[in-house]
PDB file of N, CA and C in Angstrom:
ATOM      1  N   UNK A   1       0.902  -1.066   0.150  1.00  0.00           N
ATOM      2  CA  UNK A   1       0.100   0.019  -0.014  1.00  0.00           C
ATOM      3  C   UNK A   1       0.925   1.214  -0.017  1.00  0.00           C
ATOM      4  N   UNK A   2       0.626   2.204  -0.799  1.00  0.00           N
ATOM      5  CA  UNK A   2       1.489   3.316  -0.979  1.00  0.00           C
ATOM      6  C   UNK A   2       0.682   4.498  -0.345  1.00  0.00           C
ATOM      7  N   UNK A   3       1.235   4.941   0.768  1.00  0.00           N
ATOM      8  CA  UNK A   3       0.504   5.912   1.620  1.00  0.00           C
ATOM      9  C   UNK A   3       1.585   6.749   2.356  1.00  0.00           C
ATOM     10  N   UNK A   4       1.316   7.932   2.608  1.00  0.00           N
ATOM     11  CA  UNK A   4       1.985   8.911   3.393  1.00  0.00           C
ATOM     12  C   UNK A   4       1.208   9.174   4.679  1.00  0.00           C
ATOM     13  N   UNK A   5      -0.012   8.807   4.812  1.00  0.00           N
ATOM     14  CA  UNK A   5      -0.801   9.063   5.912  1.00  0.00           C
ATOM     15  C   UNK A   5      -0.090   8.598   7.256  1.00  0.00           C
ATOM     16  N   UNK A   6      -0.492   9.291   8.441  1.00  0.00           N
ATOM     17  CA  UNK A   6       0.146   8.773   9.678  1.00  0.00           C
ATOM     18  C   UNK A   6      -0.607   7.578  10.116  1.00  0.00           C
ATOM     19  N   UNK A   7      -1.868   7.168   9.678  1.00  0.00           N
ATOM     20  CA  UNK A   7      -2.376   6.055   9.996  1.00  0.00           C
ATOM     21  C   UNK A   7      -1.685   4.725   9.587  1.00  0.00           C
ATOM     22  N   UNK A   8      -0.994   4.910   8.577  1.00  0.00           N
ATOM     23  CA  UNK A   8      -0.109   3.784   7.823  1.00  0.00           C
ATOM     24  C   UNK A   8       0.953   3.437   8.643  1.00  0.00           C
ATOM     25  N   UNK A   9       1.590   4.321   9.441  1.00  0.00           N
ATOM     26  CA  UNK A   9       2.789   3.977  10.153  1.00  0.00           C
ATOM     27  C   UNK A   9       2.760   2.818  11.045  1.00  0.00           C
ATOM     28  N   UNK A  10       3.653   1.902  10.962  1.00  0.00           N
ATOM     29  CA  UNK A  10       3.599   0.716  11.711  1.00  0.00           C
ATOM     30  C   UNK A  10       2.618  -0.393  11.332  1.00  0.00           C
ATOM     31  N   UNK A  11       2.008  -0.148  10.241  1.00  0.00           N
ATOM     32  CA  UNK A  11       1.240  -1.142   9.741  1.00  0.00           C
ATOM     33  C   UNK A  11       1.943  -2.354   9.157  1.00  0.00           C
ATOM     34  N   UNK A  12       1.635  -3.478   9.435  1.00  0.00           N
ATOM     35  CA  UNK A  12       2.308  -4.815   8.964  1.00  0.00           C
ATOM     36  C   UNK A  12       1.576  -5.226   7.514  1.00  0.00           C
ATOM     37  N   UNK A  13       2.628  -5.616   6.665  1.00  0.00           N
ATOM     38  CA  UNK A  13       2.155  -5.887   5.463  1.00  0.00           C
ATOM     39  C   UNK A  13       2.898  -7.127   4.719  1.00  0.00           C
ATOM     40  N   UNK A  14       2.456  -7.673   3.668  1.00  0.00           N
ATOM     41  CA  UNK A  14       3.135  -8.828   3.163  1.00  0.00           C
ATOM     42  C   UNK A  14       2.952  -8.684   1.810  1.00  0.00           C
ATOM     43  N   UNK A  15       4.199  -9.302   1.121  1.00  0.00           N
ATOM     44  CA  UNK A  15       4.146  -9.273  -0.473  1.00  0.00           C
ATOM     45  C   UNK A  15       5.035 -10.632  -0.852  1.00  0.00           C
ATOM     46  N   UNK A  16       4.522 -11.277  -1.946  1.00  0.00           N
ATOM     47  CA  UNK A  16       5.258 -12.412  -2.553  1.00  0.00           C
ATOM     48  C   UNK A  16       6.440 -11.757  -3.558  1.00  0.00           C
ATOM     49  N   UNK A  17       7.568 -12.299  -3.168  1.00  0.00           N
ATOM     50  CA  UNK A  17       8.582 -12.052  -4.222  1.00  0.00           C
ATOM     51  C   UNK A  17       8.578 -13.492  -5.181  1.00  0.00           C
ATOM     52  N   UNK A  18       8.349 -13.118  -6.549  1.00  0.00           N
ATOM     53  CA  UNK A  18       8.149 -14.433  -7.249  1.00  0.00           C
ATOM     54  C   UNK A  18       9.110 -14.490  -8.454  1.00  0.00           C
ATOM     55  N   UNK A  19       9.268 -15.687  -8.883  1.00  0.00           N
ATOM     56  CA  UNK A  19       9.960 -16.116  -9.999  1.00  0.00           C
ATOM     57  C   UNK A  19       9.157 -16.230 -11.219  1.00  0.00           C
ATOM     58  N   UNK A  20       9.235 -15.477 -12.172  1.00  0.00           N
ATOM     59  CA  UNK A  20       8.292 -15.358 -13.389  1.00  0.00           C
ATOM     60  C   UNK A  20       8.944 -15.715 -14.643  1.00  0.00           C
ATOM     61  N   UNK A  21       8.270 -16.484 -15.412  1.00  0.00           N
ATOM     62  CA  UNK A  21       8.700 -16.905 -16.863  1.00  0.00           C
ATOM     63  C   UNK A  21       7.903 -16.054 -17.698  1.00  0.00           C
ATOM     64  N   UNK A  22       8.407 -15.063 -18.498  1.00  0.00           N
ATOM     65  CA  UNK A  22       7.880 -14.311 -19.474  1.00  0.00           C
ATOM     66  C   UNK A  22       7.446 -15.036 -20.749  1.00  0.00           C
ATOM     67  N   UNK A  23       8.392 -15.863 -21.142  1.00  0.00           N
ATOM     68  CA  UNK A  23       8.134 -16.490 -22.340  1.00  0.00           C
ATOM     69  C   UNK A  23       8.371 -15.488 -23.642  1.00  0.00           C
ATOM     70  N   UNK A  24       7.389 -15.439 -24.420  1.00  0.00           N
ATOM     71  CA  UNK A  24       7.544 -14.715 -25.755  1.00  0.00           C
ATOM     72  C   UNK A  24       6.669 -13.421 -25.380  1.00  0.00           C
ATOM     73  N   UNK A  25       7.352 -12.236 -25.247  1.00  0.00           N
ATOM     74  CA  UNK A  25       6.701 -11.177 -24.577  1.00  0.00           C
ATOM     75  C   UNK A  25       6.172 -10.134 -25.633  1.00  0.00           C
ATOM     76  N   UNK A  26       5.195  -9.581 -25.512  1.00  0.00           N
ATOM     77  CA  UNK A  26       4.924  -8.369 -26.361  1.00  0.00           C
ATOM     78  C   UNK A  26       5.022  -7.160 -25.513  1.00  0.00           C
ATOM     79  N   UNK A  27       5.876  -6.166 -26.395  1.00  0.00           N
ATOM     80  CA  UNK A  27       6.382  -5.013 -25.804  1.00  0.00           C
ATOM     81  C   UNK A  27       5.286  -3.892 -25.999  1.00  0.00           C
ATOM     82  N   UNK A  28       4.483  -3.608 -24.977  1.00  0.00           N
ATOM     83  CA  UNK A  28       3.290  -2.723 -25.300  1.00  0.00           C
ATOM     84  C   UNK A  28       3.637  -1.421 -25.140  1.00  0.00           C
ATOM     85  N   UNK A  29       3.328  -0.491 -26.138  1.00  0.00           N
ATOM     86  CA  UNK A  29       3.468   0.962 -26.113  1.00  0.00           C
ATOM     87  C   UNK A  29       2.679   1.778 -25.404  1.00  0.00           C
ATOM     88  N   UNK A  30       1.365   1.035 -24.759  1.00  0.00           N
ATOM     89  CA  UNK A  30       0.598   1.683 -24.042  1.00  0.00           C
ATOM     90  C   UNK A  30      -0.048   0.647 -22.982  1.00  0.00           C
ATOM     91  N   UNK A  31      -0.670   1.125 -22.062  1.00  0.00           N
ATOM     92  CA  UNK A  31      -1.203   0.222 -21.106  1.00  0.00           C
ATOM     93  C   UNK A  31      -2.283  -0.813 -21.697  1.00  0.00           C
ATOM     94  N   UNK A  32      -2.034  -2.124 -21.401  1.00  0.00           N
ATOM     95  CA  UNK A  32      -2.813  -3.164 -21.949  1.00  0.00           C
ATOM     96  C   UNK A  32      -4.416  -2.680 -21.530  1.00  0.00           C
ATOM     97  N   UNK A  33      -5.315  -3.272 -22.316  1.00  0.00           N
ATOM     98  CA  UNK A  33      -6.810  -3.113 -21.854  1.00  0.00           C
ATOM     99  C   UNK A  33      -6.996  -3.950 -20.553  1.00  0.00           C
ATOM    100  N   UNK A  34      -7.904  -3.263 -19.608  1.00  0.00           N
ATOM    101  CA  UNK A  34      -8.154  -3.705 -18.388  1.00  0.00           C
ATOM    102  C   UNK A  34      -8.713  -5.082 -18.285  1.00  0.00           C
ATOM    103  N   UNK A  35      -9.619  -5.281 -19.270  1.00  0.00           N
ATOM    104  CA  UNK A  35     -10.251  -6.507 -19.272  1.00  0.00           C
ATOM    105  C   UNK A  35      -9.672  -7.605 -20.112  1.00  0.00           C
ATOM    106  N   UNK A  36      -8.538  -7.382 -20.533  1.00  0.00           N
ATOM    107  CA  UNK A  36      -7.855  -8.434 -21.331  1.00  0.00           C
ATOM    108  C   UNK A  36      -7.635  -9.676 -20.611  1.00  0.00           C
ATOM    109  N   UNK A  37      -8.073 -10.835 -21.110  1.00  0.00           N
ATOM    110  CA  UNK A  37      -8.086 -11.828 -20.367  1.00  0.00           C
ATOM    111  C   UNK A  37      -7.021 -12.936 -21.035  1.00  0.00           C
ATOM    112  N   UNK A  38      -6.335 -12.288 -21.980  1.00  0.00           N
ATOM    113  CA  UNK A  38      -5.324 -13.194 -22.745  1.00  0.00           C
ATOM    114  C   UNK A  38      -4.537 -12.227 -23.237  1.00  0.00           C
ATOM    115  N   UNK A  39      -3.147 -12.474 -23.443  1.00  0.00           N
ATOM    116  CA  UNK A  39      -2.297 -11.476 -24.247  1.00  0.00           C
ATOM    117  C   UNK A  39      -2.838 -11.425 -25.681  1.00  0.00           C
ATOM    118  N   UNK A  40      -2.052 -10.285 -26.423  1.00  0.00           N
ATOM    119  CA  UNK A  40      -2.576  -9.922 -27.604  1.00  0.00           C
ATOM    120  C   UNK A  40      -2.007 -11.188 -28.636  1.00  0.00           C
ATOM    121  N   UNK A  41      -2.481 -11.299 -29.841  1.00  0.00           N
ATOM    122  CA  UNK A  41      -2.044 -12.314 -30.778  1.00  0.00           C
ATOM    123  C   UNK A  41      -0.833 -11.469 -31.536  1.00  0.00           C
ATOM    124  N   UNK A  42      -0.137 -12.183 -32.408  1.00  0.00           N
ATOM    125  CA  UNK A  42       1.179 -11.797 -32.974  1.00  0.00           C
ATOM    126  C   UNK A  42       0.916 -10.541 -33.892  1.00  0.00           C
ATOM    127  N   UNK A  43      -0.436 -10.282 -34.188  1.00  0.00           N
ATOM    128  CA  UNK A  43      -0.748  -9.164 -35.172  1.00  0.00           C
ATOM    129  C   UNK A  43      -1.272  -7.990 -34.144  1.00  0.00           C
ATOM    130  N   UNK A  44      -1.144  -8.276 -32.814  1.00  0.00           N
ATOM    131  CA  UNK A  44      -1.425  -7.019 -31.966  1.00  0.00           C
ATOM    132  C   UNK A  44      -2.984  -6.731 -31.601  1.00  0.00           C
ATOM    133  N   UNK A  45      -3.708  -7.868 -31.953  1.00  0.00           N
ATOM    134  CA  UNK A  45      -5.198  -7.771 -31.772  1.00  0.00           C
ATOM    135  C   UNK A  45      -5.450  -8.055 -30.245  1.00  0.00           C
ATOM    136  N   UNK A  46      -6.099  -7.313 -29.551  1.00  0.00           N
ATOM    137  CA  UNK A  46      -6.517  -7.588 -28.162  1.00  0.00           C
ATOM    138  C   UNK A  46      -7.930  -8.001 -28.007  1.00  0.00           C
ATOM    139  N   UNK A  47      -8.270  -8.870 -27.221  1.00  0.00           N
ATOM    140  CA  UNK A  47      -9.820  -9.408 -27.044  1.00  0.00           C
ATOM    141  C   UNK A  47     -10.413  -8.361 -26.100  1.00  0.00           C
ATOM    142  N   UNK A  48     -11.463  -8.151 -26.044  1.00  0.00           N
ATOM    143  CA  UNK A  48     -12.729  -8.476 -26.838  1.00  0.00           C
ATOM    144  C   UNK A  48     -12.706  -7.446 -28.022  1.00  0.00           C
ATOM    145  N   UNK A  49     -11.671  -6.521 -28.239  1.00  0.00           N
ATOM    146  CA  UNK A  49     -11.875  -5.779 -29.230  1.00  0.00           C
ATOM    147  C   UNK A  49     -11.671  -6.352 -30.859  1.00  0.00           C
ATOM    148  N   UNK A  50     -10.973  -7.258 -30.923  1.00  0.00           N
ATOM    149  CA  UNK A  50     -10.784  -8.031 -32.198  1.00  0.00           C
ATOM    150  C   UNK A  50     -10.513  -9.627 -31.744  1.00  0.00           C
ATOM    151  N   UNK A  51     -11.563 -10.401 -31.963  1.00  0.00           N
ATOM    152  CA  UNK A  51     -11.471 -11.809 -31.684  1.00  0.00           C
ATOM    153  C   UNK A  51     -10.556 -12.413 -32.920  1.00  0.00           C
ATOM    154  N   UNK A  52      -9.704 -13.258 -32.689  1.00  0.00           N
ATOM    155  CA  UNK A  52      -9.005 -13.860 -33.734  1.00  0.00           C
ATOM    156  C   UNK A  52      -8.324 -15.168 -33.090  1.00  0.00           C
ATOM    157  N   UNK A  53      -7.868 -16.081 -34.057  1.00  0.00           N
ATOM    158  CA  UNK A  53      -7.392 -17.409 -33.665  1.00  0.00           C
ATOM    159  C   UNK A  53      -5.781 -17.291 -34.018  1.00  0.00           C
ATOM    160  N   UNK A  54      -5.258 -16.178 -34.112  1.00  0.00           N
ATOM    161  CA  UNK A  54      -3.874 -16.149 -34.327  1.00  0.00           C
ATOM    162  C   UNK A  54      -3.004 -16.584 -33.268  1.00  0.00           C
ATOM    163  N   UNK A  55      -1.708 -16.951 -33.320  1.00  0.00           N
ATOM    164  CA  UNK A  55      -0.709 -17.300 -32.309  1.00  0.00           C
ATOM    165  C   UNK A  55      -0.679 -16.076 -31.392  1.00  0.00           C
ATOM    166  N   UNK A  56      -0.663 -16.522 -30.005  1.00  0.00           N
ATOM    167  CA  UNK A  56      -0.611 -15.378 -28.963  1.00  0.00           C
ATOM    168  C   UNK A  56       0.722 -15.288 -28.355  1.00  0.00           C
ATOM    169  N   UNK A  57       1.032 -14.087 -27.760  1.00  0.00           N
ATOM    170  CA  UNK A  57       2.121 -14.010 -26.873  1.00  0.00           C
ATOM    171  C   UNK A  57       2.029 -14.474 -25.491  1.00  0.00           C
ATOM    172  N   UNK A  58       2.975 -14.845 -24.824  1.00  0.00           N
ATOM    173  CA  UNK A  58       2.966 -15.514 -23.468  1.00  0.00           C
ATOM    174  C   UNK A  58       2.752 -14.416 -22.339  1.00  0.00           C
ATOM    175  N   UNK A  59       3.117 -13.169 -22.613  1.00  0.00           N
ATOM    176  CA  UNK A  59       3.010 -12.096 -21.670  1.00  0.00           C
ATOM    177  C   UNK A  59       3.220 -10.804 -22.269  1.00  0.00           C
ATOM    178  N   UNK A  60       2.833  -9.915 -21.531  1.00  0.00           N
ATOM    179  CA  UNK A  60       3.249  -8.342 -21.952  1.00  0.00           C
ATOM    180  C   UNK A  60       4.030  -7.592 -21.019  1.00  0.00           C
ATOM    181  N   UNK A  61       4.831  -6.739 -21.470  1.00  0.00           N
ATOM    182  CA  UNK A  61       5.837  -5.907 -20.751  1.00  0.00           C
ATOM    183  C   UNK A  61       5.460  -4.421 -21.311  1.00  0.00           C
ATOM    184  N   UNK A  62       5.094  -3.548 -20.340  1.00  0.00           N
ATOM    185  CA  UNK A  62       4.744  -2.284 -20.572  1.00  0.00           C
ATOM    186  C   UNK A  62       5.753  -1.434 -19.807  1.00  0.00           C
ATOM    187  N   UNK A  63       6.407  -0.565 -20.400  1.00  0.00           N
ATOM    188  CA  UNK A  63       7.386   0.458 -19.597  1.00  0.00           C
ATOM    189  C   UNK A  63       6.655   1.687 -19.691  1.00  0.00           C
ATOM    190  N   UNK A  64       6.522   2.116 -18.386  1.00  0.00           N
ATOM    191  CA  UNK A  64       6.232   3.589 -18.203  1.00  0.00           C
ATOM    192  C   UNK A  64       7.679   4.555 -18.133  1.00  0.00           C
ATOM    193  N   UNK A  65       7.634   5.188 -19.295  1.00  0.00           N
ATOM    194  CA  UNK A  65       9.006   6.151 -19.276  1.00  0.00           C
ATOM    195  C   UNK A  65       9.403   6.827 -18.179  1.00  0.00           C
ATOM    196  N   UNK A  66      10.646   6.587 -17.710  1.00  0.00           N
ATOM    197  CA  UNK A  66      10.990   7.153 -16.419  1.00  0.00           C
ATOM    198  C   UNK A  66      10.683   6.730 -15.153  1.00  0.00           C
ATOM    199  N   UNK A  67       9.699   5.661 -15.087  1.00  0.00           N
ATOM    200  CA  UNK A  67       9.188   5.315 -13.832  1.00  0.00           C
ATOM    201  C   UNK A  67       9.318   3.766 -13.574  1.00  0.00           C
ATOM    202  N   UNK A  68       8.675   2.882 -14.267  1.00  0.00           N
ATOM    203  CA  UNK A  68       8.633   1.428 -13.899  1.00  0.00           C
ATOM    204  C   UNK A  68       8.414   0.611 -15.014  1.00  0.00           C
ATOM    205  N   UNK A  69       8.537  -0.653 -15.088  1.00  0.00           N
ATOM    206  CA  UNK A  69       8.010  -1.595 -15.932  1.00  0.00           C
ATOM    207  C   UNK A  69       6.949  -2.563 -15.203  1.00  0.00           C
ATOM    208  N   UNK A  70       5.992  -2.710 -16.032  1.00  0.00           N
ATOM    209  CA  UNK A  70       4.839  -3.557 -15.660  1.00  0.00           C
ATOM    210  C   UNK A  70       4.858  -4.831 -16.575  1.00  0.00           C
ATOM    211  N   UNK A  71       5.003  -5.992 -15.661  1.00  0.00           N
ATOM    212  CA  UNK A  71       4.995  -7.388 -16.337  1.00  0.00           C
ATOM    213  C   UNK A  71       3.645  -7.990 -16.253  1.00  0.00           C
ATOM    214  N   UNK A  72       3.005  -8.468 -17.310  1.00  0.00           N
ATOM    215  CA  UNK A  72       1.616  -9.081 -17.155  1.00  0.00           C
ATOM    216  C   UNK A  72       1.796 -10.428 -17.768  1.00  0.00           C
ATOM    217  N   UNK A  73       1.359 -11.539 -16.843  1.00  0.00           N
ATOM    218  CA  UNK A  73       1.325 -12.876 -17.277  1.00  0.00           C
ATOM    219  C   UNK A  73      -0.086 -13.430 -17.266  1.00  0.00           C
ATOM    220  N   UNK A  74      -0.596 -14.327 -17.897  1.00  0.00           N
ATOM    221  CA  UNK A  74      -2.039 -14.659 -18.011  1.00  0.00           C
ATOM    222  C   UNK A  74      -2.135 -16.135 -17.635  1.00  0.00           C
ATOM    223  N   UNK A  75      -1.085 -16.803 -17.251  1.00  0.00           N
ATOM    224  CA  UNK A  75      -1.228 -18.292 -17.086  1.00  0.00           C
ATOM    225  C   UNK A  75      -0.304 -18.321 -15.516  1.00  0.00           C
ATOM    226  N   UNK A  76      -1.190 -18.722 -14.628  1.00  0.00           N
ATOM    227  CA  UNK A  76      -0.384 -18.962 -13.226  1.00  0.00           C
ATOM    228  C   UNK A  76       0.637 -19.900 -13.066  1.00  0.00           C
ATOM    229  N   UNK A  77       0.753 -20.808 -14.166  1.00  0.00           N
ATOM    230  CA  UNK A  77       1.921 -21.637 -14.297  1.00  0.00           C
ATOM    231  C   UNK A  77       3.117 -20.991 -14.626  1.00  0.00           C
ATOM    232  N   UNK A  78       3.098 -19.613 -14.947  1.00  0.00           N
ATOM    233  CA  UNK A  78       4.179 -19.034 -15.479  1.00  0.00           C
ATOM    234  C   UNK A  78       5.023 -18.291 -14.191  1.00  0.00           C
ATOM    235  N   UNK A  79       4.493 -18.431 -12.986  1.00  0.00           N
ATOM    236  CA  UNK A  79       5.074 -17.916 -11.773  1.00  0.00           C
ATOM    237  C   UNK A  79       5.104 -18.955 -10.656  1.00  0.00           C
ATOM    238  N   UNK A  80       6.232 -18.514  -9.925  1.00  0.00           N
ATOM    239  CA  UNK A  80       6.251 -19.399  -8.717  1.00  0.00           C
ATOM    240  C   UNK A  80       6.591 -18.419  -7.598  1.00  0.00           C
ATOM    241  N   UNK A  81       5.818 -18.623  -6.558  1.00  0.00           N
ATOM    242  CA  UNK A  81       6.089 -17.657  -5.354  1.00  0.00           C
ATOM    243  C   UNK A  81       7.366 -18.229  -4.592  1.00  0.00           C
ATOM    244  N   UNK A  82       8.289 -17.380  -4.753  1.00  0.00           N
ATOM    245  CA  UNK A  82       9.579 -17.799  -3.995  1.00  0.00           C
ATOM    246  C   UNK A  82       9.670 -17.481  -2.564  1.00  0.00           C
ATOM    247  N   UNK A  83       9.495 -16.216  -2.157  1.00  0.00           N
ATOM    248  CA  UNK A  83       9.506 -15.741  -0.781  1.00  0.00           C
ATOM    249  C   UNK A  83       8.346 -14.929  -0.347  1.00  0.00           C
ATOM    250  N   UNK A  84       7.992 -15.077   0.823  1.00  0.00           N
ATOM    251  CA  UNK A  84       6.846 -14.223   1.259  1.00  0.00           C
ATOM    252  C   UNK A  84       7.745 -13.243   2.174  1.00  0.00           C
ATOM    253  N   UNK A  85       7.603 -11.904   1.791  1.00  0.00           N
ATOM    254  CA  UNK A  85       8.334 -10.655   2.651  1.00  0.00           C
ATOM    255  C   UNK A  85       7.400 -10.097   3.554  1.00  0.00           C
ATOM    256  N   UNK A  86       7.622 -10.029   4.854  1.00  0.00           N
ATOM    257  CA  UNK A  86       6.771  -9.400   5.774  1.00  0.00           C
ATOM    258  C   UNK A  86       7.551  -8.271   6.218  1.00  0.00           C
ATOM    259  N   UNK A  87       6.871  -7.048   6.350  1.00  0.00           N
ATOM    260  CA  UNK A  87       7.511  -5.602   6.554  1.00  0.00           C
ATOM    261  C   UNK A  87       6.676  -4.968   7.496  1.00  0.00           C
ATOM    262  N   UNK A  88       7.064  -3.869   8.008  1.00  0.00           N
ATOM    263  CA  UNK A  88       6.378  -3.069   8.683  1.00  0.00           C
ATOM    264  C   UNK A  88       6.440  -1.532   8.323  1.00  0.00           C
TER     265      UNK A  88
END
């Protein structure tokens, strides 16, 4: 949780540090659609905007310039929770 409010001081939180296999990644130039249930096809079509049966990427990588990279995988078998990090 990202907060600078005094109420969050001393709060206990947890997060998983995971090992992730991206496979064949699509480098997105803009944020992927929120309701995308699977990665785009090799021609760049996203569901439900354009339904197609083309081969699909395994994951999506979206880089926010100067800030961070967002990695999206659509199959739970592509990740392995390696550590549970607890912090205050």
